[in-house]
Amino acid sequence: MRNTEQLSSIQRELLDIFMSMEVAEHEARKKHAAVRYLRARRGIEIHNEEKRLERDIGDYDDTLQ
């Protein structure tokens, strides 16, 4: 009986450790995905801003001529 209790205790501890690792890995993946998303979003915003500025400069040059 004592060995069974020890085995169950060890199994619970290992399961707790494994679950903690899974949660930590999930959080790390989630954080990395959020960073990638923000970088991509910022890249799109920069691209759109550059295109708008190019268009505005072109319009301004047309008014000078």
C-alpha atoms as a PDB file:
ATOM      1  CA  MET A   1       0.000   0.000   0.000  1.00  0.00           C
ATOM      2  CA  ARG A   2       2.793   2.401   0.898  1.00  0.00           C
ATOM      3  CA  ASN A   3       4.530   1.890  -2.461  1.00  0.00           C
ATOM      4  CA  THR A   4       1.277   2.587  -4.299  1.00  0.00           C
ATOM      5  CA  GLU A   5       0.811   5.840  -2.378  1.00  0.00           C
ATOM      6  CA  GLN A   6       4.381   6.899  -3.142  1.00  0.00           C
ATOM      7  CA  LEU A   7       3.908   6.019  -6.800  1.00  0.00           C
ATOM      8  CA  SER A   8       0.675   8.019  -6.948  1.00  0.00           C
ATOM      9  CA  SER A   9       2.358  10.958  -5.270  1.00  0.00           C
ATOM     10  CA  ILE A  10       5.251  10.861  -7.732  1.00  0.00           C
ATOM     11  CA  GLN A  11       2.841  10.555 -10.660  1.00  0.00           C
ATOM     12  CA  ARG A  12       0.899  13.601  -9.432  1.00  0.00           C
ATOM     13  CA  GLU A  13       4.108  15.596  -9.042  1.00  0.00           C
ATOM     14  CA  LEU A  14       5.283  14.643 -12.521  1.00  0.00           C
ATOM     15  CA  LEU A  15       1.896  15.530 -13.978  1.00  0.00           C
ATOM     16  CA  ASP A  16       1.962  18.894 -12.193  1.00  0.00           C
ATOM     17  CA  ILE A  17       5.466  19.588 -13.521  1.00  0.00           C
ATOM     18  CA  PHE A  18       4.451  18.582 -17.034  1.00  0.00           C
ATOM     19  CA  MET A  19       1.327  20.739 -16.929  1.00  0.00           C
ATOM     20  CA  SER A  20       3.336  23.717 -15.661  1.00  0.00           C
ATOM     21  CA  MET A  21       5.774  23.274 -18.523  1.00  0.00           C
ATOM     22  CA  GLU A  22       2.916  23.093 -21.019  1.00  0.00           C
ATOM     23  CA  VAL A  23       1.384  26.293 -19.650  1.00  0.00           C
ATOM     24  CA  ALA A  24       4.746  28.085 -19.791  1.00  0.00           C
ATOM     25  CA  GLU A  25       5.367  26.921 -23.362  1.00  0.00           C
ATOM     26  CA  HIS A  26       1.874  28.001 -24.397  1.00  0.00           C
ATOM     27  CA  GLU A  27       2.389  31.453 -22.873  1.00  0.00           C
ATOM     28  CA  ALA A  28       5.765  31.789 -24.618  1.00  0.00           C
ATOM     29  CA  ARG A  29       4.247  30.824 -27.997  1.00  0.00           C
ATOM     30  CA  LYS A  30       1.362  33.219 -27.425  1.00  0.00           C
ATOM     31  CA  LYS A  31       3.730  36.081 -26.568  1.00  0.00           C
ATOM     32  CA  HIS A  32       5.931  35.348 -29.592  1.00  0.00           C
ATOM     33  CA  ALA A  33       2.874  35.298 -31.867  1.00  0.00           C
ATOM     34  CA  ALA A  34       1.723  38.646 -30.474  1.00  0.00           C
ATOM     35  CA  VAL A  35       5.147  40.183 -31.114  1.00  0.00           C
ATOM     36  CA  ARG A  36       5.161  38.833 -34.684  1.00  0.00           C
ATOM     37  CA  TYR A  37       1.659  40.191 -35.261  1.00  0.00           C
ATOM     38  CA  LEU A  38       2.604  43.648 -33.956  1.00  0.00           C
ATOM     39  CA  ARG A  39       5.746  43.737 -36.115  1.00  0.00           C
ATOM     40  CA  ALA A  40       3.754  42.748 -39.179  1.00  0.00           C
ATOM     41  CA  ARG A  41       1.068  45.318 -38.391  1.00  0.00           C
ATOM     42  CA  ARG A  42       3.698  48.042 -37.919  1.00  0.00           C
ATOM     43  CA  GLY A  43       5.318  47.052 -41.222  1.00  0.00           C
ATOM     44  CA  ILE A  44       1.991  47.421 -42.993  1.00  0.00           C
ATOM     45  CA  GLU A  45       1.418  50.806 -41.350  1.00  0.00           C
ATOM     46  CA  ILE A  46       4.890  52.024 -42.390  1.00  0.00           C
ATOM     47  CA  HIS A  47       4.322  50.827 -45.959  1.00  0.00           C
ATOM     48  CA  ASN A  48       0.958  52.599 -46.153  1.00  0.00           C
ATOM     49  CA  GLU A  49       2.439  55.780 -44.673  1.00  0.00           C
ATOM     50  CA  GLU A  50       5.277  55.767 -47.220  1.00  0.00           C
ATOM     51  CA  LYS A  51       2.821  55.313 -50.092  1.00  0.00           C
ATOM     52  CA  ARG A  52       0.648  58.147 -48.765  1.00  0.00           C
ATOM     53  CA  LEU A  53       3.661  60.449 -48.426  1.00  0.00           C
ATOM     54  CA  GLU A  54       4.844  59.595 -51.941  1.00  0.00           C
ATOM     55  CA  ARG A  55       1.371  60.366 -53.282  1.00  0.00           C
ATOM     56  CA  ASP A  56       1.176  63.639 -51.313  1.00  0.00           C
ATOM     57  CA  ILE A  57       4.625  64.717 -52.507  1.00  0.00           C
ATOM     58  CA  GLY A  58       3.647  63.872 -56.080  1.00  0.00           C
ATOM     59  CA  ASP A  59       0.465  65.917 -55.731  1.00  0.00           C
ATOM     60  CA  TYR A  60       2.447  68.823 -54.259  1.00  0.00           C
ATOM     61  CA  ASP A  61       4.977  68.710 -57.115  1.00  0.00           C
ATOM     62  CA  ASP A  62       2.107  68.780 -59.617  1.00  0.00           C
ATOM     63  CA  THR A  63       0.726  71.959 -58.021  1.00  0.00           C
ATOM     64  CA  LEU A  64       4.135  73.669 -58.288  1.00  0.00           C
ATOM     65  CA  GLN A  65       4.386  73.089 -62.010  1.00  0.00           C
END
